[in-house]
Amino acid sequence: MWVSSEANSAEGKPTGWMYSTEQNLDVVAPTQLPSNKWKSGKRSTLGLQYTLAGGTGVMKEAGFWVDVPGMRVTGVHGLDDAEPAMAAELRQLAALTAAK
């Protein structure tokens, strides 16, 4: 699963700002994926964390995508409250907030 622009998502392009290495065809929302299976590019990671994770910022180099341990996705664009994925997202967000 990729976190990408609406246009790339609509076209099914495997490109974006971050992606999960988890292979699961039953997943409909990023919140259903393990938090330790995400990779992120320079545009979606804080500079210091990106550098410390070994990020190079150069797409063709091995260090472009870095591990994002404990990734938390807290928003799903374009879904209303009645959508099952949004309902699951809101439940997870409430649980995370209550745990703090």
PDB file of N, CA and C in Angstrom:
ATOM      1  N   MET A   1       0.841  -1.166   0.000  1.00  0.00           N
ATOM      2  CA  MET A   1       0.000   0.000   0.000  1.00  0.00           C
ATOM      3  C   MET A   1       0.889   1.233   0.000  1.00  0.00           C
ATOM      4  N   TRP A   2       0.534   2.196  -0.828  1.00  0.00           N
ATOM      5  CA  TRP A   2       1.253   3.454  -0.941  1.00  0.00           C
ATOM      6  C   TRP A   2       0.431   4.601  -0.374  1.00  0.00           C
ATOM      7  N   VAL A   3       1.079   5.571   0.238  1.00  0.00           N
ATOM      8  CA  VAL A   3       0.469   6.848   0.580  1.00  0.00           C
ATOM      9  C   VAL A   3       0.964   7.788  -0.500  1.00  0.00           C
ATOM     10  N   SER A   4       0.004   8.270  -1.308  1.00  0.00           N
ATOM     11  CA  SER A   4       0.363   8.979  -2.522  1.00  0.00           C
ATOM     12  C   SER A   4      -0.635  10.087  -2.807  1.00  0.00           C
ATOM     13  N   SER A   5      -0.474  10.723  -3.956  1.00  0.00           N
ATOM     14  CA  SER A   5      -1.434  11.742  -4.370  1.00  0.00           C
ATOM     15  C   SER A   5      -2.717  11.074  -4.854  1.00  0.00           C
ATOM     16  N   GLU A   6      -3.785  11.830  -4.872  1.00  0.00           N
ATOM     17  CA  GLU A   6      -5.061  11.299  -5.339  1.00  0.00           C
ATOM     18  C   GLU A   6      -4.966  10.828  -6.788  1.00  0.00           C
ATOM     19  N   ALA A   7      -4.245  11.573  -7.621  1.00  0.00           N
ATOM     20  CA  ALA A   7      -4.102  11.212  -9.038  1.00  0.00           C
ATOM     21  C   ALA A   7      -3.347   9.893  -9.201  1.00  0.00           C
ATOM     22  N   ASN A   8      -2.228   9.740  -8.481  1.00  0.00           N
ATOM     23  CA  ASN A   8      -1.472   8.490  -8.572  1.00  0.00           C
ATOM     24  C   ASN A   8      -2.295   7.311  -8.055  1.00  0.00           C
ATOM     25  N   SER A   9      -3.014   7.532  -6.981  1.00  0.00           N
ATOM     26  CA  SER A   9      -3.852   6.468  -6.420  1.00  0.00           C
ATOM     27  C   SER A   9      -4.944   6.054  -7.398  1.00  0.00           C
ATOM     28  N   ALA A  10      -5.598   7.034  -8.016  1.00  0.00           N
ATOM     29  CA  ALA A  10      -6.669   6.738  -8.962  1.00  0.00           C
ATOM     30  C   ALA A  10      -6.165   5.940 -10.157  1.00  0.00           C
ATOM     31  N   GLU A  11      -4.926   6.202 -10.567  1.00  0.00           N
ATOM     32  CA  GLU A  11      -4.339   5.499 -11.706  1.00  0.00           C
ATOM     33  C   GLU A  11      -3.670   4.189 -11.304  1.00  0.00           C
ATOM     34  N   GLY A  12      -3.634   3.898  -9.995  1.00  0.00           N
ATOM     35  CA  GLY A  12      -3.016   2.665  -9.517  1.00  0.00           C
ATOM     36  C   GLY A  12      -1.507   2.649  -9.628  1.00  0.00           C
ATOM     37  N   LYS A  13      -0.890   3.823  -9.668  1.00  0.00           N
ATOM     38  CA  LYS A  13       0.563   3.900  -9.797  1.00  0.00           C
ATOM     39  C   LYS A  13       1.240   3.545  -8.469  1.00  0.00           C
ATOM     40  N   PRO A  14       2.232   2.658  -8.499  1.00  0.00           N
ATOM     41  CA  PRO A  14       2.964   2.302  -7.284  1.00  0.00           C
ATOM     42  C   PRO A  14       4.047   3.340  -6.977  1.00  0.00           C
ATOM     43  N   THR A  15       3.622   4.525  -6.588  1.00  0.00           N
ATOM     44  CA  THR A  15       4.546   5.606  -6.278  1.00  0.00           C
ATOM     45  C   THR A  15       3.911   6.526  -5.250  1.00  0.00           C
ATOM     46  N   GLY A  16       4.726   7.206  -4.487  1.00  0.00           N
ATOM     47  CA  GLY A  16       4.190   8.123  -3.495  1.00  0.00           C
ATOM     48  C   GLY A  16       5.242   8.555  -2.509  1.00  0.00           C
ATOM     49  N   TRP A  17       4.799   8.915  -1.290  1.00  0.00           N
ATOM     50  CA  TRP A  17       5.687   9.445  -0.265  1.00  0.00           C
ATOM     51  C   TRP A  17       6.117   8.383   0.732  1.00  0.00           C
ATOM     52  N   MET A  18       5.308   7.371   0.922  1.00  0.00           N
ATOM     53  CA  MET A  18       5.670   6.266   1.809  1.00  0.00           C
ATOM     54  C   MET A  18       4.885   5.036   1.386  1.00  0.00           C
ATOM     55  N   TYR A  19       5.391   3.859   1.770  1.00  0.00           N
ATOM     56  CA  TYR A  19       4.705   2.634   1.406  1.00  0.00           C
ATOM     57  C   TYR A  19       4.943   1.570   2.468  1.00  0.00           C
ATOM     58  N   SER A  20       4.052   0.579   2.461  1.00  0.00           N
ATOM     59  CA  SER A  20       4.195  -0.540   3.388  1.00  0.00           C
ATOM     60  C   SER A  20       4.765  -1.726   2.633  1.00  0.00           C
ATOM     61  N   THR A  21       5.682  -2.422   3.268  1.00  0.00           N
ATOM     62  CA  THR A  21       6.255  -3.617   2.664  1.00  0.00           C
ATOM     63  C   THR A  21       5.389  -4.847   2.930  1.00  0.00           C
ATOM     64  N   GLU A  22       4.347  -4.682   3.735  1.00  0.00           N
ATOM     65  CA  GLU A  22       3.418  -5.781   4.036  1.00  0.00           C
ATOM     66  C   GLU A  22       2.592  -6.106   2.795  1.00  0.00           C
ATOM     67  N   GLN A  23       2.540  -7.366   2.417  1.00  0.00           N
ATOM     68  CA  GLN A  23       1.754  -7.811   1.267  1.00  0.00           C
ATOM     69  C   GLN A  23       0.456  -8.445   1.766  1.00  0.00           C
ATOM     70  N   ASN A  24      -0.662  -7.744   1.624  1.00  0.00           N
ATOM     71  CA  ASN A  24      -1.941  -8.239   2.115  1.00  0.00           C
ATOM     72  C   ASN A  24      -3.058  -7.661   1.252  1.00  0.00           C
ATOM     73  N   LEU A  25      -3.692  -8.485   0.451  1.00  0.00           N
ATOM     74  CA  LEU A  25      -4.731  -8.022  -0.464  1.00  0.00           C
ATOM     75  C   LEU A  25      -6.044  -7.696   0.230  1.00  0.00           C
ATOM     76  N   ASP A  26      -6.216  -8.103   1.493  1.00  0.00           N
ATOM     77  CA  ASP A  26      -7.460  -7.852   2.220  1.00  0.00           C
ATOM     78  C   ASP A  26      -7.481  -6.489   2.902  1.00  0.00           C
ATOM     79  N   VAL A  27      -6.415  -5.740   2.847  1.00  0.00           N
ATOM     80  CA  VAL A  27      -6.319  -4.457   3.530  1.00  0.00           C
ATOM     81  C   VAL A  27      -6.994  -3.363   2.711  1.00  0.00           C
ATOM     82  N   VAL A  28      -7.824  -2.541   3.365  1.00  0.00           N
ATOM     83  CA  VAL A  28      -8.462  -1.422   2.673  1.00  0.00           C
ATOM     84  C   VAL A  28      -8.011  -0.073   3.209  1.00  0.00           C
ATOM     85  N   ALA A  29      -7.285  -0.046   4.320  1.00  0.00           N
ATOM     86  CA  ALA A  29      -6.812   1.214   4.897  1.00  0.00           C
ATOM     87  C   ALA A  29      -5.410   1.027   5.471  1.00  0.00           C
ATOM     88  N   PRO A  30      -4.590   2.067   5.408  1.00  0.00           N
ATOM     89  CA  PRO A  30      -3.230   1.961   5.941  1.00  0.00           C
ATOM     90  C   PRO A  30      -3.193   1.608   7.421  1.00  0.00           C
ATOM     91  N   THR A  31      -4.235   1.942   8.142  1.00  0.00           N
ATOM     92  CA  THR A  31      -4.264   1.664   9.579  1.00  0.00           C
ATOM     93  C   THR A  31      -4.347   0.177   9.880  1.00  0.00           C
ATOM     94  N   GLN A  32      -4.672  -0.635   8.898  1.00  0.00           N
ATOM     95  CA  GLN A  32      -4.768  -2.080   9.090  1.00  0.00           C
ATOM     96  C   GLN A  32      -3.418  -2.780   8.921  1.00  0.00           C
ATOM     97  N   LEU A  33      -2.395  -2.032   8.564  1.00  0.00           N
ATOM     98  CA  LEU A  33      -1.073  -2.615   8.319  1.00  0.00           C
ATOM     99  C   LEU A  33      -0.189  -2.492   9.554  1.00  0.00           C
ATOM    100  N   PRO A  34       0.751  -3.427   9.721  1.00  0.00           N
ATOM    101  CA  PRO A  34       1.663  -3.353  10.877  1.00  0.00           C
ATOM    102  C   PRO A  34       2.459  -2.054  10.859  1.00  0.00           C
ATOM    103  N   SER A  35       2.655  -1.463  12.024  1.00  0.00           N
ATOM    104  CA  SER A  35       3.356  -0.178  12.099  1.00  0.00           C
ATOM    105  C   SER A  35       4.855  -0.300  11.836  1.00  0.00           C
ATOM    106  N   ASN A  36       5.398  -1.501  11.852  1.00  0.00           N
ATOM    107  CA  ASN A  36       6.842  -1.672  11.639  1.00  0.00           C
ATOM    108  C   ASN A  36       7.209  -2.089  10.222  1.00  0.00           C
ATOM    109  N   LYS A  37       6.288  -1.948   9.275  1.00  0.00           N
ATOM    110  CA  LYS A  37       6.541  -2.387   7.899  1.00  0.00           C
ATOM    111  C   LYS A  37       6.504  -1.230   6.896  1.00  0.00           C
ATOM    112  N   TRP A  38       6.738   0.010   7.363  1.00  0.00           N
ATOM    113  CA  TRP A  38       6.641   1.167   6.482  1.00  0.00           C
ATOM    114  C   TRP A  38       8.012   1.689   6.078  1.00  0.00           C
ATOM    115  N   LYS A  39       8.087   2.182   4.840  1.00  0.00           N
ATOM    116  CA  LYS A  39       9.267   2.869   4.311  1.00  0.00           C
ATOM    117  C   LYS A  39       8.822   4.282   3.923  1.00  0.00           C
ATOM    118  N   SER A  40       9.723   5.237   4.090  1.00  0.00           N
ATOM    119  CA  SER A  40       9.379   6.621   3.815  1.00  0.00           C
ATOM    120  C   SER A  40      10.474   7.295   3.008  1.00  0.00           C
ATOM    121  N   GLY A  41      10.057   8.251   2.177  1.00  0.00           N
ATOM    122  CA  GLY A  41      10.999   9.053   1.417  1.00  0.00           C
ATOM    123  C   GLY A  41      11.270  10.371   2.123  1.00  0.00           C
ATOM    124  N   LYS A  42      12.151  11.160   1.570  1.00  0.00           N
ATOM    125  CA  LYS A  42      12.585  12.411   2.192  1.00  0.00           C
ATOM    126  C   LYS A  42      11.448  13.408   2.376  1.00  0.00           C
ATOM    127  N   ARG A  43      10.502  13.462   1.462  1.00  0.00           N
ATOM    128  CA  ARG A  43       9.427  14.455   1.528  1.00  0.00           C
ATOM    129  C   ARG A  43       8.445  14.203   2.668  1.00  0.00           C
ATOM    130  N   SER A  44       8.423  13.008   3.216  1.00  0.00           N
ATOM    131  CA  SER A  44       7.429  12.707   4.249  1.00  0.00           C
ATOM    132  C   SER A  44       8.058  12.337   5.589  1.00  0.00           C
ATOM    133  N   THR A  45       9.328  12.643   5.765  1.00  0.00           N
ATOM    134  CA  THR A  45      10.027  12.317   7.010  1.00  0.00           C
ATOM    135  C   THR A  45      10.748  13.557   7.509  1.00  0.00           C
ATOM    136  N   LEU A  46      10.715  13.801   8.810  1.00  0.00           N
ATOM    137  CA  LEU A  46      11.461  14.923   9.375  1.00  0.00           C
ATOM    138  C   LEU A  46      12.932  14.767   9.037  1.00  0.00           C
ATOM    139  N   GLY A  47      13.589  15.872   8.708  1.00  0.00           N
ATOM    140  CA  GLY A  47      14.963  15.849   8.230  1.00  0.00           C
ATOM    141  C   GLY A  47      15.937  15.071   9.096  1.00  0.00           C
ATOM    142  N   LEU A  48      15.945  15.339  10.403  1.00  0.00           N
ATOM    143  CA  LEU A  48      16.888  14.665  11.287  1.00  0.00           C
ATOM    144  C   LEU A  48      16.632  13.161  11.323  1.00  0.00           C
ATOM    145  N   GLN A  49      15.358  12.765  11.435  1.00  0.00           N
ATOM    146  CA  GLN A  49      15.024  11.339  11.466  1.00  0.00           C
ATOM    147  C   GLN A  49      15.411  10.665  10.153  1.00  0.00           C
ATOM    148  N   TYR A  50      15.187  11.358   9.044  1.00  0.00           N
ATOM    149  CA  TYR A  50      15.529  10.804   7.733  1.00  0.00           C
ATOM    150  C   TYR A  50      17.041  10.574   7.632  1.00  0.00           C
ATOM    151  N   THR A  51      17.818  11.561   8.042  1.00  0.00           N
ATOM    152  CA  THR A  51      19.276  11.446   7.987  1.00  0.00           C
ATOM    153  C   THR A  51      19.777  10.348   8.921  1.00  0.00           C
ATOM    154  N   LEU A  52      19.248  10.316  10.145  1.00  0.00           N
ATOM    155  CA  LEU A  52      19.671   9.295  11.103  1.00  0.00           C
ATOM    156  C   LEU A  52      19.315   7.883  10.635  1.00  0.00           C
ATOM    157  N   ALA A  53      18.250   7.761   9.841  1.00  0.00           N
ATOM    158  CA  ALA A  53      17.849   6.456   9.316  1.00  0.00           C
ATOM    159  C   ALA A  53      18.668   6.061   8.087  1.00  0.00           C
ATOM    160  N   GLY A  54      19.581   6.923   7.655  1.00  0.00           N
ATOM    161  CA  GLY A  54      20.444   6.600   6.521  1.00  0.00           C
ATOM    162  C   GLY A  54      19.918   7.080   5.190  1.00  0.00           C
ATOM    163  N   GLY A  55      18.947   7.987   5.210  1.00  0.00           N
ATOM    164  CA  GLY A  55      18.370   8.494   3.972  1.00  0.00           C
ATOM    165  C   GLY A  55      19.346   9.319   3.160  1.00  0.00           C
ATOM    166  N   THR A  56      19.339   9.105   1.851  1.00  0.00           N
ATOM    167  CA  THR A  56      20.220   9.852   0.956  1.00  0.00           C
ATOM    168  C   THR A  56      19.485  10.965   0.228  1.00  0.00           C
ATOM    169  N   GLY A  57      18.184  10.820   0.065  1.00  0.00           N
ATOM    170  CA  GLY A  57      17.419  11.821  -0.675  1.00  0.00           C
ATOM    171  C   GLY A  57      17.530  11.673  -2.181  1.00  0.00           C
ATOM    172  N   VAL A  58      18.290  10.690  -2.650  1.00  0.00           N
ATOM    173  CA  VAL A  58      18.475  10.477  -4.090  1.00  0.00           C
ATOM    174  C   VAL A  58      17.720   9.213  -4.489  1.00  0.00           C
ATOM    175  N   MET A  59      16.683   9.378  -5.317  1.00  0.00           N
ATOM    176  CA  MET A  59      15.774   8.294  -5.673  1.00  0.00           C
ATOM    177  C   MET A  59      16.485   7.036  -6.165  1.00  0.00           C
ATOM    178  N   LYS A  60      17.529   7.183  -6.941  1.00  0.00           N
ATOM    179  CA  LYS A  60      18.184   6.008  -7.535  1.00  0.00           C
ATOM    180  C   LYS A  60      19.184   5.332  -6.602  1.00  0.00           C
ATOM    181  N   GLU A  61      19.384   5.892  -5.409  1.00  0.00           N
ATOM    182  CA  GLU A  61      20.316   5.282  -4.461  1.00  0.00           C
ATOM    183  C   GLU A  61      19.566   4.402  -3.476  1.00  0.00           C
ATOM    184  N   ALA A  62      20.268   3.414  -2.943  1.00  0.00           N
ATOM    185  CA  ALA A  62      19.655   2.459  -2.020  1.00  0.00           C
ATOM    186  C   ALA A  62      19.090   3.125  -0.771  1.00  0.00           C
ATOM    187  N   GLY A  63      19.651   4.242  -0.331  1.00  0.00           N
ATOM    188  CA  GLY A  63      19.200   4.888   0.895  1.00  0.00           C
ATOM    189  C   GLY A  63      18.052   5.857   0.733  1.00  0.00           C
ATOM    190  N   PHE A  64      17.391   5.863  -0.422  1.00  0.00           N
ATOM    191  CA  PHE A  64      16.281   6.807  -0.591  1.00  0.00           C
ATOM    192  C   PHE A  64      15.128   6.477   0.346  1.00  0.00           C
ATOM    193  N   TRP A  65      14.708   5.204   0.372  1.00  0.00           N
ATOM    194  CA  TRP A  65      13.617   4.773   1.246  1.00  0.00           C
ATOM    195  C   TRP A  65      14.201   4.322   2.579  1.00  0.00           C
ATOM    196  N   VAL A  66      13.676   4.860   3.676  1.00  0.00           N
ATOM    197  CA  VAL A  66      14.177   4.507   5.005  1.00  0.00           C
ATOM    198  C   VAL A  66      13.063   3.873   5.822  1.00  0.00           C
ATOM    199  N   ASP A  67      13.446   3.059   6.797  1.00  0.00           N
ATOM    200  CA  ASP A  67      12.474   2.436   7.697  1.00  0.00           C
ATOM    201  C   ASP A  67      11.822   3.496   8.574  1.00  0.00           C
ATOM    202  N   VAL A  68      10.540   3.316   8.821  1.00  0.00           N
ATOM    203  CA  VAL A  68       9.786   4.204   9.702  1.00  0.00           C
ATOM    204  C   VAL A  68       9.227   3.350  10.839  1.00  0.00           C
ATOM    205  N   PRO A  69      10.042   3.107  11.867  1.00  0.00           N
ATOM    206  CA  PRO A  69       9.558   2.256  12.962  1.00  0.00           C
ATOM    207  C   PRO A  69       8.417   2.939  13.715  1.00  0.00           C
ATOM    208  N   GLY A  70       7.410   2.173  14.052  1.00  0.00           N
ATOM    209  CA  GLY A  70       6.276   2.707  14.804  1.00  0.00           C
ATOM    210  C   GLY A  70       5.414   3.671  14.008  1.00  0.00           C
ATOM    211  N   MET A  71       5.343   3.507  12.702  1.00  0.00           N
ATOM    212  CA  MET A  71       4.540   4.372  11.842  1.00  0.00           C
ATOM    213  C   MET A  71       3.092   4.374  12.298  1.00  0.00           C
ATOM    214  N   ARG A  72       2.496   5.542  12.386  1.00  0.00           N
ATOM    215  CA  ARG A  72       1.083   5.667  12.728  1.00  0.00           C
ATOM    216  C   ARG A  72       0.400   6.493  11.645  1.00  0.00           C
ATOM    217  N   VAL A  73      -0.598   5.934  11.022  1.00  0.00           N
ATOM    218  CA  VAL A  73      -1.383   6.645  10.027  1.00  0.00           C
ATOM    219  C   VAL A  73      -2.669   7.049  10.718  1.00  0.00           C
ATOM    220  N   THR A  74      -2.976   8.346  10.735  1.00  0.00           N
ATOM    221  CA  THR A  74      -4.130   8.816  11.495  1.00  0.00           C
ATOM    222  C   THR A  74      -5.164   9.547  10.654  1.00  0.00           C
ATOM    223  N   GLY A  75      -5.080   9.435   9.353  1.00  0.00           N
ATOM    224  CA  GLY A  75      -6.080  10.089   8.517  1.00  0.00           C
ATOM    225  C   GLY A  75      -6.292   9.358   7.207  1.00  0.00           C
ATOM    226  N   VAL A  76      -7.537   9.254   6.783  1.00  0.00           N
ATOM    227  CA  VAL A  76      -7.868   8.669   5.493  1.00  0.00           C
ATOM    228  C   VAL A  76      -8.693   9.698   4.741  1.00  0.00           C
ATOM    229  N   HIS A  77      -8.136  10.244   3.675  1.00  0.00           N
ATOM    230  CA  HIS A  77      -8.782  11.314   2.915  1.00  0.00           C
ATOM    231  C   HIS A  77      -9.936  10.792   2.069  1.00  0.00           C
ATOM    232  N   GLY A  78     -11.022  11.530   2.054  1.00  0.00           N
ATOM    233  CA  GLY A  78     -12.111  11.252   1.128  1.00  0.00           C
ATOM    234  C   GLY A  78     -13.130  10.222   1.575  1.00  0.00           C
ATOM    235  N   LEU A  79     -13.045   9.723   2.801  1.00  0.00           N
ATOM    236  CA  LEU A  79     -14.018   8.749   3.283  1.00  0.00           C
ATOM    237  C   LEU A  79     -14.933   9.400   4.308  1.00  0.00           C
ATOM    238  N   ASP A  80     -16.233   9.098   4.242  1.00  0.00           N
ATOM    239  CA  ASP A  80     -17.127   9.675   5.242  1.00  0.00           C
ATOM    240  C   ASP A  80     -17.237   8.751   6.456  1.00  0.00           C
ATOM    241  N   ASP A  81     -17.917   9.224   7.497  1.00  0.00           N
ATOM    242  CA  ASP A  81     -18.001   8.488   8.759  1.00  0.00           C
ATOM    243  C   ASP A  81     -18.664   7.124   8.623  1.00  0.00           C
ATOM    244  N   ALA A  82     -19.494   6.924   7.598  1.00  0.00           N
ATOM    245  CA  ALA A  82     -20.202   5.652   7.420  1.00  0.00           C
ATOM    246  C   ALA A  82     -19.321   4.588   6.752  1.00  0.00           C
ATOM    247  N   GLU A  83     -18.214   4.992   6.162  1.00  0.00           N
ATOM    248  CA  GLU A  83     -17.301   4.062   5.493  1.00  0.00           C
ATOM    249  C   GLU A  83     -16.620   3.180   6.545  1.00  0.00           C
ATOM    250  N   PRO A  84     -16.641   1.848   6.373  1.00  0.00           N
ATOM    251  CA  PRO A  84     -16.022   0.958   7.362  1.00  0.00           C
ATOM    252  C   PRO A  84     -14.557   1.277   7.647  1.00  0.00           C
ATOM    253  N   ALA A  85     -13.793   1.638   6.623  1.00  0.00           N
ATOM    254  CA  ALA A  85     -12.383   1.971   6.840  1.00  0.00           C
ATOM    255  C   ALA A  85     -12.243   3.218   7.710  1.00  0.00           C
ATOM    256  N   MET A  86     -13.125   4.188   7.509  1.00  0.00           N
ATOM    257  CA  MET A  86     -13.066   5.405   8.322  1.00  0.00           C
ATOM    258  C   MET A  86     -13.473   5.106   9.755  1.00  0.00           C
ATOM    259  N   ALA A  87     -14.492   4.284   9.932  1.00  0.00           N
ATOM    260  CA  ALA A  87     -14.923   3.915  11.284  1.00  0.00           C
ATOM    261  C   ALA A  87     -13.780   3.216  12.028  1.00  0.00           C
ATOM    262  N   ALA A  88     -13.077   2.319  11.346  1.00  0.00           N
ATOM    263  CA  ALA A  88     -11.946   1.627  11.960  1.00  0.00           C
ATOM    264  C   ALA A  88     -10.832   2.625  12.288  1.00  0.00           C
ATOM    265  N   GLU A  89     -10.600   3.564  11.396  1.00  0.00           N
ATOM    266  CA  GLU A  89      -9.589   4.596  11.608  1.00  0.00           C
ATOM    267  C   GLU A  89      -9.910   5.433  12.840  1.00  0.00           C
ATOM    268  N   LEU A  90     -11.155   5.845  12.969  1.00  0.00           N
ATOM    269  CA  LEU A  90     -11.554   6.663  14.111  1.00  0.00           C
ATOM    270  C   LEU A  90     -11.444   5.890  15.422  1.00  0.00           C
ATOM    271  N   ARG A  91     -11.781   4.600  15.404  1.00  0.00           N
ATOM    272  CA  ARG A  91     -11.626   3.773  16.604  1.00  0.00           C
ATOM    273  C   ARG A  91     -10.165   3.660  17.010  1.00  0.00           C
ATOM    274  N   GLN A  92      -9.290   3.447  16.014  1.00  0.00           N
ATOM    275  CA  GLN A  92      -7.868   3.332  16.308  1.00  0.00           C
ATOM    276  C   GLN A  92      -7.310   4.650  16.836  1.00  0.00           C
ATOM    277  N   LEU A  93      -7.696   5.756  16.253  1.00  0.00           N
ATOM    278  CA  LEU A  93      -7.234   7.053  16.707  1.00  0.00           C
ATOM    279  C   LEU A  93      -7.686   7.314  18.145  1.00  0.00           C
ATOM    280  N   ALA A  94      -8.937   6.958  18.446  1.00  0.00           N
ATOM    281  CA  ALA A  94      -9.444   7.130  19.813  1.00  0.00           C
ATOM    282  C   ALA A  94      -8.650   6.274  20.799  1.00  0.00           C
ATOM    283  N   ALA A  95      -8.310   5.051  20.406  1.00  0.00           N
ATOM    284  CA  ALA A  95      -7.535   4.155  21.284  1.00  0.00           C
ATOM    285  C   ALA A  95      -6.134   4.701  21.513  1.00  0.00           C
ATOM    286  N   LEU A  96      -5.501   5.226  20.468  1.00  0.00           N
ATOM    287  CA  LEU A  96      -4.171   5.795  20.612  1.00  0.00           C
ATOM    288  C   LEU A  96      -4.185   7.023  21.512  1.00  0.00           C
ATOM    289  N   THR A  97      -5.200   7.853  21.337  1.00  0.00           N
ATOM    290  CA  THR A  97      -5.324   9.054  22.141  1.00  0.00           C
ATOM    291  C   THR A  97      -5.561   8.706  23.602  1.00  0.00           C
ATOM    292  N   ALA A  98      -6.397   7.695  23.859  1.00  0.00           N
ATOM    293  CA  ALA A  98      -6.704   7.281  25.237  1.00  0.00           C
ATOM    294  C   ALA A  98      -5.491   6.650  25.909  1.00  0.00           C
ATOM    295  N   ALA A  99      -4.602   6.038  25.124  1.00  0.00           N
ATOM    296  CA  ALA A  99      -3.438   5.354  25.682  1.00  0.00           C
ATOM    297  C   ALA A  99      -2.369   6.328  26.163  1.00  0.00           C
ATOM    298  N   LYS A 100      -2.406   7.580  25.713  1.00  0.00           N
ATOM    299  CA  LYS A 100      -1.366   8.562  26.073  1.00  0.00           C
ATOM    300  C   LYS A 100      -1.531   9.089  27.465  1.00  0.00           C
TER     301      LYS A 100
END
